[in-house]
Each structure stands twice: as C-alpha cells, then as structure tokens.
Amino acid sequence: MMKRLFPHPALSGLLAIFWVLLANSLSWGAVIMAIIVGIVVPLFTSSYWRDKPVLRFGWPMLEYLLIVLWDIVVANFQVAWIILTKRNRNLRSAWLVIPLDVRQPEAITALAGTISLTPGTVSADVSGDGKALLVHALDVADKEADIARIKSRYEARLKRIYR
C-alpha cells in the first residue's frame, strides 16, 4: 500500500521540501500543497521511470554531502583568490575529459551537478555513450591530477551510493 502511494519516497520528500521553499511560506496552505505535489507528481511520473536507481543511504551519502559542501567552501575561497590576485593574467583554464566508470544516468547527473556546483568548474557535456564527461575548469595546473581528483573524490563515492 505504501509503495503504491509513494513509488519514489525520496522524490516525494524532495518535491515537498522544494515546494515549501519556492512558496517561501510555512503556512498551512503551502504545506498541504507541498504534500499534494509530493504525492501526485511521483504517482503520475512513476511509469516513466524504467530502472529506478537503488541508493545507499547512510554513511556513504552523508560522507559525499560533507565532502561536496567542504569542496564548495574551499573552491569559493580559491576562486576569490584567483580573481583578486591574477586578474585574468596567467589563468590556465582547460577542458577536461573525464572518463566515467558510473553508468546510471542519475549518478552521471549527480556527478555533473556536483562539478557545476563547485566554483571554478562547470560540466559542459556528456558523451553520447555516457562514458565521458566534458568539464571546463578555471585554473588547471595538471589536467591528469584534476581528473584523478574528481574521480576519487566524487565518482568513487557516487559508485558506492548508486548500486
């Protein structure tokens, strides 16, 4: 019964939270509407989810979130330092082609989103076969080291989260 009502419980929760955030109100009307949206949207879209991703909640996800938050804070200071000191001189911007080990579209999307959230980098494209991610980085000293860092910090952890 619960599986029928909530085919994607995490999606239902996220939709409800984002609805309240977008409404910018904790009124009864906003909360009730958030619950309705959180139930109705996954019900109507569940037939389009062929292979539902299996996520491992707990320590792997918490570790990933903490690392991403830490990297966002550090990258903000690094980009600010680049802007204040280099002023577009000696910038070593580069395109990085990151070979992907993850195959689930949701994991690839999470990786691309994580990279784009971190200041100084942006995901630009995914190869047609889903085996490579194109990333632009603001300041790169060593391409191979940056690719290895992204793979070890983010992709390896996403492989543990997405089974």
N, C-alpha and C. Protein backbone atom coordinates (compact mmCIF):
# COMPACT_ATOMS: atom_id res chain seq x y z
N MET A 1 0.83 -1.20 0.00
CA MET A 1 0.00 0.00 0.00
C MET A 1 0.87 1.26 0.00
N MET A 2 1.88 1.29 0.87
CA MET A 2 2.74 2.47 0.95
C MET A 2 3.57 2.63 -0.32
N LYS A 3 4.00 1.50 -0.90
CA LYS A 3 4.79 1.54 -2.13
C LYS A 3 3.96 2.09 -3.29
N ARG A 4 2.66 1.80 -3.29
CA ARG A 4 1.78 2.35 -4.32
C ARG A 4 1.57 3.85 -4.16
N LEU A 5 1.38 4.28 -2.91
CA LEU A 5 1.14 5.69 -2.66
C LEU A 5 2.42 6.52 -2.83
N PHE A 6 3.55 5.93 -2.44
CA PHE A 6 4.83 6.62 -2.54
C PHE A 6 5.81 5.77 -3.37
N PRO A 7 5.68 5.77 -4.70
CA PRO A 7 6.57 4.94 -5.51
C PRO A 7 8.03 5.40 -5.43
N HIS A 8 8.24 6.68 -5.16
CA HIS A 8 9.58 7.25 -5.02
C HIS A 8 9.59 8.13 -3.76
N PRO A 9 9.76 7.54 -2.59
CA PRO A 9 9.66 8.31 -1.35
C PRO A 9 10.65 9.48 -1.27
N ALA A 10 11.88 9.27 -1.74
CA ALA A 10 12.86 10.36 -1.69
C ALA A 10 12.42 11.52 -2.59
N LEU A 11 11.91 11.20 -3.77
CA LEU A 11 11.42 12.23 -4.67
C LEU A 11 10.23 12.97 -4.06
N SER A 12 9.34 12.23 -3.42
CA SER A 12 8.18 12.85 -2.76
C SER A 12 8.64 13.85 -1.70
N GLY A 13 9.61 13.44 -0.90
CA GLY A 13 10.12 14.33 0.14
C GLY A 13 10.79 15.56 -0.43
N LEU A 14 11.62 15.36 -1.44
CA LEU A 14 12.30 16.50 -2.07
C LEU A 14 11.33 17.47 -2.71
N LEU A 15 10.33 16.93 -3.40
CA LEU A 15 9.33 17.80 -4.02
C LEU A 15 8.58 18.62 -2.97
N ALA A 16 8.22 17.98 -1.88
CA ALA A 16 7.51 18.70 -0.82
C ALA A 16 8.39 19.80 -0.22
N ILE A 17 9.65 19.48 0.03
CA ILE A 17 10.56 20.48 0.61
C ILE A 17 10.75 21.65 -0.36
N PHE A 18 10.99 21.34 -1.64
CA PHE A 18 11.20 22.42 -2.61
C PHE A 18 9.94 23.24 -2.83
N TRP A 19 8.77 22.62 -2.73
CA TRP A 19 7.54 23.38 -2.87
C TRP A 19 7.42 24.43 -1.75
N VAL A 20 7.71 24.01 -0.53
CA VAL A 20 7.64 24.94 0.60
C VAL A 20 8.70 26.04 0.43
N LEU A 21 9.89 25.66 -0.04
CA LEU A 21 10.93 26.68 -0.26
C LEU A 21 10.53 27.66 -1.35
N LEU A 22 9.95 27.16 -2.43
CA LEU A 22 9.52 28.05 -3.51
C LEU A 22 8.35 28.94 -3.09
N ALA A 23 7.47 28.38 -2.26
CA ALA A 23 6.34 29.17 -1.77
C ALA A 23 6.82 30.23 -0.78
N ASN A 24 7.98 29.99 -0.20
CA ASN A 24 8.57 30.93 0.77
C ASN A 24 7.62 31.20 1.94
N SER A 25 6.93 30.13 2.35
CA SER A 25 5.95 30.27 3.42
C SER A 25 5.75 28.92 4.10
N LEU A 26 5.55 28.97 5.41
CA LEU A 26 5.23 27.75 6.15
C LEU A 26 3.76 27.76 6.56
N SER A 27 2.94 28.38 5.74
CA SER A 27 1.50 28.42 6.04
C SER A 27 0.90 27.04 5.81
N TRP A 28 -0.29 26.82 6.37
CA TRP A 28 -0.97 25.54 6.19
C TRP A 28 -1.22 25.24 4.72
N GLY A 29 -1.60 26.25 3.97
CA GLY A 29 -1.87 26.07 2.55
C GLY A 29 -0.64 25.61 1.79
N ALA A 30 0.51 26.22 2.09
CA ALA A 30 1.75 25.84 1.40
C ALA A 30 2.17 24.42 1.77
N VAL A 31 2.02 24.06 3.03
CA VAL A 31 2.40 22.71 3.48
C VAL A 31 1.47 21.66 2.88
N ILE A 32 0.17 21.93 2.87
CA ILE A 32 -0.78 20.97 2.29
C ILE A 32 -0.53 20.82 0.79
N MET A 33 -0.29 21.93 0.11
CA MET A 33 0.00 21.85 -1.32
C MET A 33 1.30 21.10 -1.57
N ALA A 34 2.30 21.28 -0.70
CA ALA A 34 3.57 20.57 -0.83
C ALA A 34 3.36 19.06 -0.69
N ILE A 35 2.51 18.66 0.24
CA ILE A 35 2.22 17.24 0.43
C ILE A 35 1.50 16.69 -0.80
N ILE A 36 0.55 17.45 -1.31
CA ILE A 36 -0.18 17.00 -2.51
C ILE A 36 0.77 16.84 -3.69
N VAL A 37 1.62 17.84 -3.91
CA VAL A 37 2.59 17.78 -5.02
C VAL A 37 3.55 16.60 -4.81
N GLY A 38 3.99 16.41 -3.57
CA GLY A 38 4.91 15.32 -3.25
C GLY A 38 4.31 13.94 -3.48
N ILE A 39 2.99 13.83 -3.40
CA ILE A 39 2.33 12.55 -3.65
C ILE A 39 1.94 12.40 -5.11
N VAL A 40 1.35 13.43 -5.70
CA VAL A 40 0.78 13.33 -7.03
C VAL A 40 1.83 13.23 -8.14
N VAL A 41 2.87 14.06 -8.09
CA VAL A 41 3.85 14.06 -9.18
C VAL A 41 4.55 12.70 -9.31
N PRO A 42 5.06 12.09 -8.24
CA PRO A 42 5.66 10.77 -8.40
C PRO A 42 4.66 9.71 -8.86
N LEU A 43 3.40 9.81 -8.44
CA LEU A 43 2.40 8.85 -8.89
C LEU A 43 2.20 8.91 -10.40
N PHE A 44 2.12 10.11 -10.94
CA PHE A 44 1.88 10.27 -12.37
C PHE A 44 3.13 10.04 -13.22
N THR A 45 4.30 10.18 -12.64
CA THR A 45 5.53 10.00 -13.42
C THR A 45 6.20 8.66 -13.20
N SER A 46 5.70 7.84 -12.30
CA SER A 46 6.38 6.57 -11.99
C SER A 46 6.44 5.62 -13.17
N SER A 47 5.49 5.69 -14.08
CA SER A 47 5.54 4.79 -15.24
C SER A 47 6.68 5.15 -16.19
N TYR A 48 7.23 6.36 -16.09
CA TYR A 48 8.32 6.78 -16.96
C TYR A 48 9.69 6.40 -16.39
N TRP A 49 9.72 5.93 -15.16
CA TRP A 49 10.97 5.52 -14.52
C TRP A 49 11.17 4.04 -14.79
N ARG A 50 11.89 3.72 -15.84
CA ARG A 50 12.11 2.31 -16.19
C ARG A 50 12.90 1.60 -15.11
N ASP A 51 14.12 2.01 -14.93
CA ASP A 51 15.01 1.39 -13.95
C ASP A 51 15.22 2.36 -12.80
N LYS A 52 14.53 2.11 -11.72
CA LYS A 52 14.65 3.00 -10.58
C LYS A 52 16.02 2.81 -9.93
N PRO A 53 16.73 3.90 -9.68
CA PRO A 53 18.05 3.75 -9.06
C PRO A 53 17.91 3.29 -7.61
N VAL A 54 18.81 2.43 -7.21
CA VAL A 54 18.85 1.98 -5.83
C VAL A 54 19.95 2.77 -5.14
N LEU A 55 19.55 3.57 -4.16
CA LEU A 55 20.50 4.42 -3.46
C LEU A 55 20.86 3.81 -2.12
N ARG A 56 22.10 3.98 -1.74
CA ARG A 56 22.55 3.54 -0.42
C ARG A 56 22.58 4.78 0.48
N PHE A 57 21.60 4.86 1.33
CA PHE A 57 21.55 5.97 2.27
C PHE A 57 22.47 5.65 3.44
N GLY A 58 22.69 6.58 4.29
CA GLY A 58 23.54 6.36 5.45
C GLY A 58 24.89 7.02 5.27
N TRP A 59 25.94 6.34 5.75
CA TRP A 59 27.27 6.94 5.76
C TRP A 59 27.79 7.31 4.37
N PRO A 60 27.65 6.46 3.34
CA PRO A 60 28.19 6.86 2.03
C PRO A 60 27.60 8.18 1.52
N MET A 61 26.29 8.37 1.70
CA MET A 61 25.66 9.60 1.22
C MET A 61 26.05 10.79 2.10
N LEU A 62 26.09 10.58 3.40
CA LEU A 62 26.48 11.67 4.31
C LEU A 62 27.91 12.10 4.04
N GLU A 63 28.80 11.12 3.85
CA GLU A 63 30.20 11.43 3.54
C GLU A 63 30.29 12.24 2.24
N TYR A 64 29.55 11.83 1.24
CA TYR A 64 29.56 12.53 -0.05
C TYR A 64 29.07 13.97 0.12
N LEU A 65 27.97 14.16 0.83
CA LEU A 65 27.43 15.51 1.02
C LEU A 65 28.41 16.40 1.79
N LEU A 66 29.05 15.85 2.81
CA LEU A 66 30.02 16.64 3.59
C LEU A 66 31.22 17.04 2.74
N ILE A 67 31.71 16.11 1.93
CA ILE A 67 32.86 16.41 1.06
C ILE A 67 32.48 17.47 0.03
N VAL A 68 31.29 17.34 -0.55
CA VAL A 68 30.85 18.32 -1.55
C VAL A 68 30.70 19.70 -0.91
N LEU A 69 30.10 19.77 0.26
CA LEU A 69 29.95 21.06 0.94
C LEU A 69 31.31 21.67 1.27
N TRP A 70 32.23 20.85 1.75
CA TRP A 70 33.57 21.33 2.07
C TRP A 70 34.26 21.84 0.80
N ASP A 71 34.16 21.09 -0.28
CA ASP A 71 34.80 21.49 -1.53
C ASP A 71 34.20 22.78 -2.09
N ILE A 72 32.91 22.98 -1.90
CA ILE A 72 32.28 24.22 -2.36
C ILE A 72 32.83 25.41 -1.59
N VAL A 73 32.97 25.27 -0.28
CA VAL A 73 33.51 26.37 0.54
C VAL A 73 34.96 26.66 0.15
N VAL A 74 35.77 25.62 0.03
CA VAL A 74 37.18 25.80 -0.33
C VAL A 74 37.30 26.42 -1.72
N ALA A 75 36.52 25.92 -2.67
CA ALA A 75 36.59 26.44 -4.04
C ALA A 75 36.16 27.91 -4.11
N ASN A 76 35.22 28.32 -3.28
CA ASN A 76 34.84 29.73 -3.24
C ASN A 76 36.03 30.60 -2.87
N PHE A 77 36.80 30.18 -1.88
CA PHE A 77 37.99 30.95 -1.48
C PHE A 77 39.06 30.91 -2.57
N GLN A 78 39.22 29.75 -3.22
CA GLN A 78 40.21 29.65 -4.29
C GLN A 78 39.85 30.55 -5.47
N VAL A 79 38.60 30.56 -5.87
CA VAL A 79 38.18 31.42 -6.98
C VAL A 79 38.30 32.89 -6.59
N ALA A 80 37.94 33.23 -5.36
CA ALA A 80 38.10 34.61 -4.91
C ALA A 80 39.57 35.02 -4.96
N TRP A 81 40.45 34.12 -4.54
CA TRP A 81 41.88 34.40 -4.57
C TRP A 81 42.36 34.60 -6.01
N ILE A 82 41.89 33.77 -6.92
CA ILE A 82 42.27 33.90 -8.32
C ILE A 82 41.81 35.25 -8.87
N ILE A 83 40.59 35.62 -8.54
CA ILE A 83 40.04 36.89 -9.04
C ILE A 83 40.82 38.07 -8.47
N LEU A 84 41.16 38.02 -7.18
CA LEU A 84 41.84 39.14 -6.53
C LEU A 84 43.31 39.24 -6.91
N THR A 85 43.95 38.12 -7.19
CA THR A 85 45.40 38.18 -7.43
C THR A 85 45.79 38.08 -8.90
N LYS A 86 45.16 37.22 -9.66
CA LYS A 86 45.60 37.01 -11.04
C LYS A 86 44.96 37.98 -12.01
N ARG A 87 43.76 38.38 -11.75
CA ARG A 87 43.05 39.32 -12.62
C ARG A 87 43.18 38.93 -14.09
N ASN A 88 42.87 37.67 -14.36
CA ASN A 88 42.86 37.11 -15.71
C ASN A 88 44.25 36.98 -16.34
N ARG A 89 45.30 37.25 -15.59
CA ARG A 89 46.65 37.01 -16.10
C ARG A 89 47.07 35.63 -15.62
N ASN A 90 47.71 34.93 -16.46
CA ASN A 90 48.25 33.61 -16.12
C ASN A 90 47.19 32.59 -15.72
N LEU A 91 45.97 32.80 -16.15
CA LEU A 91 44.95 31.78 -15.90
C LEU A 91 45.22 30.60 -16.81
N ARG A 92 45.08 29.42 -16.25
CA ARG A 92 45.33 28.21 -17.01
C ARG A 92 44.02 27.44 -17.16
N SER A 93 43.04 28.04 -17.79
CA SER A 93 41.76 27.35 -17.96
C SER A 93 41.95 26.21 -18.95
N ALA A 94 41.16 25.15 -18.74
CA ALA A 94 41.33 23.97 -19.59
C ALA A 94 40.03 23.17 -19.65
N TRP A 95 39.93 22.41 -20.73
CA TRP A 95 38.84 21.45 -20.87
C TRP A 95 39.36 20.10 -20.40
N LEU A 96 38.60 19.45 -19.52
CA LEU A 96 38.97 18.14 -19.02
C LEU A 96 37.98 17.11 -19.53
N VAL A 97 38.47 16.02 -20.05
CA VAL A 97 37.61 14.91 -20.46
C VAL A 97 37.76 13.84 -19.39
N ILE A 98 36.69 13.63 -18.64
CA ILE A 98 36.73 12.69 -17.53
C ILE A 98 36.08 11.38 -17.96
N PRO A 99 36.87 10.31 -18.02
CA PRO A 99 36.28 9.01 -18.35
C PRO A 99 35.42 8.54 -17.18
N LEU A 100 34.23 8.05 -17.48
CA LEU A 100 33.29 7.68 -16.42
C LEU A 100 33.25 6.18 -16.19
N ASP A 101 33.25 5.80 -14.91
CA ASP A 101 33.05 4.41 -14.52
C ASP A 101 31.59 4.16 -14.16
N VAL A 102 30.90 5.21 -13.69
CA VAL A 102 29.48 5.05 -13.36
C VAL A 102 28.68 5.01 -14.65
N ARG A 103 27.60 4.25 -14.65
CA ARG A 103 26.80 4.10 -15.86
C ARG A 103 25.35 4.56 -15.68
N GLN A 104 24.87 4.63 -14.45
CA GLN A 104 23.49 5.05 -14.24
C GLN A 104 23.36 6.54 -14.60
N PRO A 105 22.32 6.88 -15.36
CA PRO A 105 22.12 8.30 -15.73
C PRO A 105 21.99 9.21 -14.51
N GLU A 106 21.37 8.70 -13.44
CA GLU A 106 21.21 9.51 -12.23
C GLU A 106 22.56 9.80 -11.58
N ALA A 107 23.45 8.82 -11.57
CA ALA A 107 24.79 9.01 -11.00
C ALA A 107 25.60 9.99 -11.84
N ILE A 108 25.49 9.88 -13.15
CA ILE A 108 26.20 10.81 -14.04
C ILE A 108 25.67 12.23 -13.85
N THR A 109 24.36 12.35 -13.70
CA THR A 109 23.75 13.66 -13.46
C THR A 109 24.21 14.23 -12.12
N ALA A 110 24.27 13.39 -11.09
CA ALA A 110 24.74 13.85 -9.77
C ALA A 110 26.20 14.31 -9.86
N LEU A 111 27.02 13.58 -10.58
CA LEU A 111 28.43 13.97 -10.74
C LEU A 111 28.54 15.29 -11.50
N ALA A 112 27.81 15.43 -12.60
CA ALA A 112 27.85 16.66 -13.38
C ALA A 112 27.34 17.84 -12.55
N GLY A 113 26.29 17.62 -11.78
CA GLY A 113 25.77 18.68 -10.93
C GLY A 113 26.74 19.08 -9.84
N THR A 114 27.40 18.09 -9.25
CA THR A 114 28.39 18.37 -8.21
C THR A 114 29.53 19.19 -8.77
N ILE A 115 30.01 18.82 -9.93
CA ILE A 115 31.11 19.56 -10.55
C ILE A 115 30.68 21.00 -10.85
N SER A 116 29.46 21.19 -11.33
CA SER A 116 28.98 22.53 -11.66
C SER A 116 28.71 23.36 -10.40
N LEU A 117 28.38 22.71 -9.29
CA LEU A 117 28.16 23.44 -8.05
C LEU A 117 29.46 23.98 -7.46
N THR A 118 30.55 23.33 -7.76
CA THR A 118 31.83 23.74 -7.22
C THR A 118 32.36 24.91 -8.04
N PRO A 119 32.56 26.07 -7.43
CA PRO A 119 33.03 27.24 -8.18
C PRO A 119 34.36 26.96 -8.88
N GLY A 120 34.46 27.45 -10.10
CA GLY A 120 35.67 27.27 -10.88
C GLY A 120 35.59 26.13 -11.87
N THR A 121 34.55 25.31 -11.78
CA THR A 121 34.37 24.22 -12.73
C THR A 121 32.92 24.17 -13.18
N VAL A 122 32.72 23.70 -14.40
CA VAL A 122 31.36 23.54 -14.91
C VAL A 122 31.34 22.34 -15.86
N SER A 123 30.32 21.52 -15.71
CA SER A 123 30.12 20.40 -16.62
C SER A 123 29.49 20.93 -17.89
N ALA A 124 30.06 20.54 -19.03
CA ALA A 124 29.58 21.08 -20.29
C ALA A 124 28.82 20.06 -21.13
N ASP A 125 29.24 18.78 -21.09
CA ASP A 125 28.61 17.80 -21.96
C ASP A 125 28.92 16.40 -21.47
N VAL A 126 28.04 15.48 -21.84
CA VAL A 126 28.25 14.06 -21.60
C VAL A 126 28.31 13.40 -22.96
N SER A 127 29.25 12.49 -23.15
CA SER A 127 29.35 11.83 -24.44
C SER A 127 28.08 11.04 -24.72
N GLY A 128 27.82 10.80 -25.99
CA GLY A 128 26.60 10.09 -26.39
C GLY A 128 26.48 8.72 -25.78
N ASP A 129 27.60 8.05 -25.56
CA ASP A 129 27.55 6.71 -24.97
C ASP A 129 27.62 6.74 -23.44
N GLY A 130 27.72 7.92 -22.84
CA GLY A 130 27.75 8.06 -21.39
C GLY A 130 29.04 7.61 -20.75
N LYS A 131 30.12 7.60 -21.51
CA LYS A 131 31.39 7.10 -20.98
C LYS A 131 32.40 8.21 -20.69
N ALA A 132 32.03 9.47 -20.95
CA ALA A 132 32.95 10.58 -20.68
C ALA A 132 32.14 11.84 -20.38
N LEU A 133 32.72 12.67 -19.54
CA LEU A 133 32.11 13.93 -19.14
C LEU A 133 33.09 15.05 -19.49
N LEU A 134 32.60 16.07 -20.18
CA LEU A 134 33.43 17.21 -20.55
C LEU A 134 33.24 18.31 -19.51
N VAL A 135 34.35 18.75 -18.92
CA VAL A 135 34.32 19.73 -17.83
C VAL A 135 35.26 20.87 -18.18
N HIS A 136 34.83 22.11 -17.92
CA HIS A 136 35.71 23.26 -18.06
C HIS A 136 36.14 23.71 -16.68
N ALA A 137 37.44 23.89 -16.52
CA ALA A 137 37.99 24.33 -15.24
C ALA A 137 38.68 25.68 -15.41
N LEU A 138 38.53 26.53 -14.42
CA LEU A 138 39.04 27.90 -14.49
C LEU A 138 40.56 27.96 -14.43
N ASP A 139 41.17 27.18 -13.55
CA ASP A 139 42.62 27.24 -13.36
C ASP A 139 43.13 25.83 -13.11
N VAL A 140 43.88 25.30 -14.07
CA VAL A 140 44.35 23.92 -14.00
C VAL A 140 45.86 23.90 -14.11
N ALA A 141 46.51 23.36 -13.09
CA ALA A 141 47.96 23.20 -13.14
C ALA A 141 48.33 21.88 -13.81
N ASP A 142 47.59 20.83 -13.48
CA ASP A 142 47.86 19.50 -14.02
C ASP A 142 46.53 18.82 -14.36
N LYS A 143 46.27 18.63 -15.65
CA LYS A 143 44.99 18.06 -16.08
C LYS A 143 44.76 16.68 -15.48
N GLU A 144 45.77 15.84 -15.55
CA GLU A 144 45.62 14.46 -15.06
C GLU A 144 45.34 14.43 -13.57
N ALA A 145 45.97 15.32 -12.81
CA ALA A 145 45.74 15.37 -11.37
C ALA A 145 44.31 15.82 -11.06
N ASP A 146 43.82 16.80 -11.82
CA ASP A 146 42.44 17.26 -11.59
C ASP A 146 41.43 16.19 -11.96
N ILE A 147 41.67 15.46 -13.04
CA ILE A 147 40.78 14.37 -13.42
C ILE A 147 40.79 13.29 -12.34
N ALA A 148 41.97 12.94 -11.86
CA ALA A 148 42.09 11.92 -10.80
C ALA A 148 41.39 12.38 -9.52
N ARG A 149 41.48 13.68 -9.21
CA ARG A 149 40.83 14.21 -8.00
C ARG A 149 39.31 14.10 -8.11
N ILE A 150 38.75 14.45 -9.26
CA ILE A 150 37.30 14.37 -9.47
C ILE A 150 36.84 12.92 -9.38
N LYS A 151 37.62 12.02 -9.98
CA LYS A 151 37.24 10.61 -9.96
C LYS A 151 37.32 10.02 -8.56
N SER A 152 38.34 10.40 -7.80
CA SER A 152 38.48 9.81 -6.46
C SER A 152 37.57 10.46 -5.42
N ARG A 153 37.38 11.77 -5.51
CA ARG A 153 36.56 12.46 -4.51
C ARG A 153 35.07 12.29 -4.75
N TYR A 154 34.66 12.33 -6.01
CA TYR A 154 33.24 12.33 -6.31
C TYR A 154 32.75 11.02 -6.93
N GLU A 155 33.36 10.63 -8.04
CA GLU A 155 32.83 9.47 -8.75
C GLU A 155 32.94 8.19 -7.93
N ALA A 156 34.05 7.99 -7.25
CA ALA A 156 34.21 6.77 -6.44
C ALA A 156 33.14 6.70 -5.35
N ARG A 157 32.81 7.82 -4.76
CA ARG A 157 31.78 7.85 -3.72
C ARG A 157 30.38 7.65 -4.31
N LEU A 158 30.16 8.22 -5.49
CA LEU A 158 28.87 8.01 -6.15
C LEU A 158 28.67 6.55 -6.53
N LYS A 159 29.75 5.86 -6.86
CA LYS A 159 29.65 4.43 -7.17
C LYS A 159 29.19 3.64 -5.95
N ARG A 160 29.56 4.10 -4.75
CA ARG A 160 29.10 3.43 -3.53
C ARG A 160 27.67 3.79 -3.19
N ILE A 161 27.22 4.98 -3.59
CA ILE A 161 25.85 5.42 -3.29
C ILE A 161 24.87 4.78 -4.25
N TYR A 162 25.20 4.81 -5.54
CA TYR A 162 24.32 4.21 -6.55
C TYR A 162 24.76 2.78 -6.81
N ARG A 163 23.94 1.85 -6.41
CA ARG A 163 24.29 0.43 -6.58
C ARG A 163 24.00 -0.03 -7.97
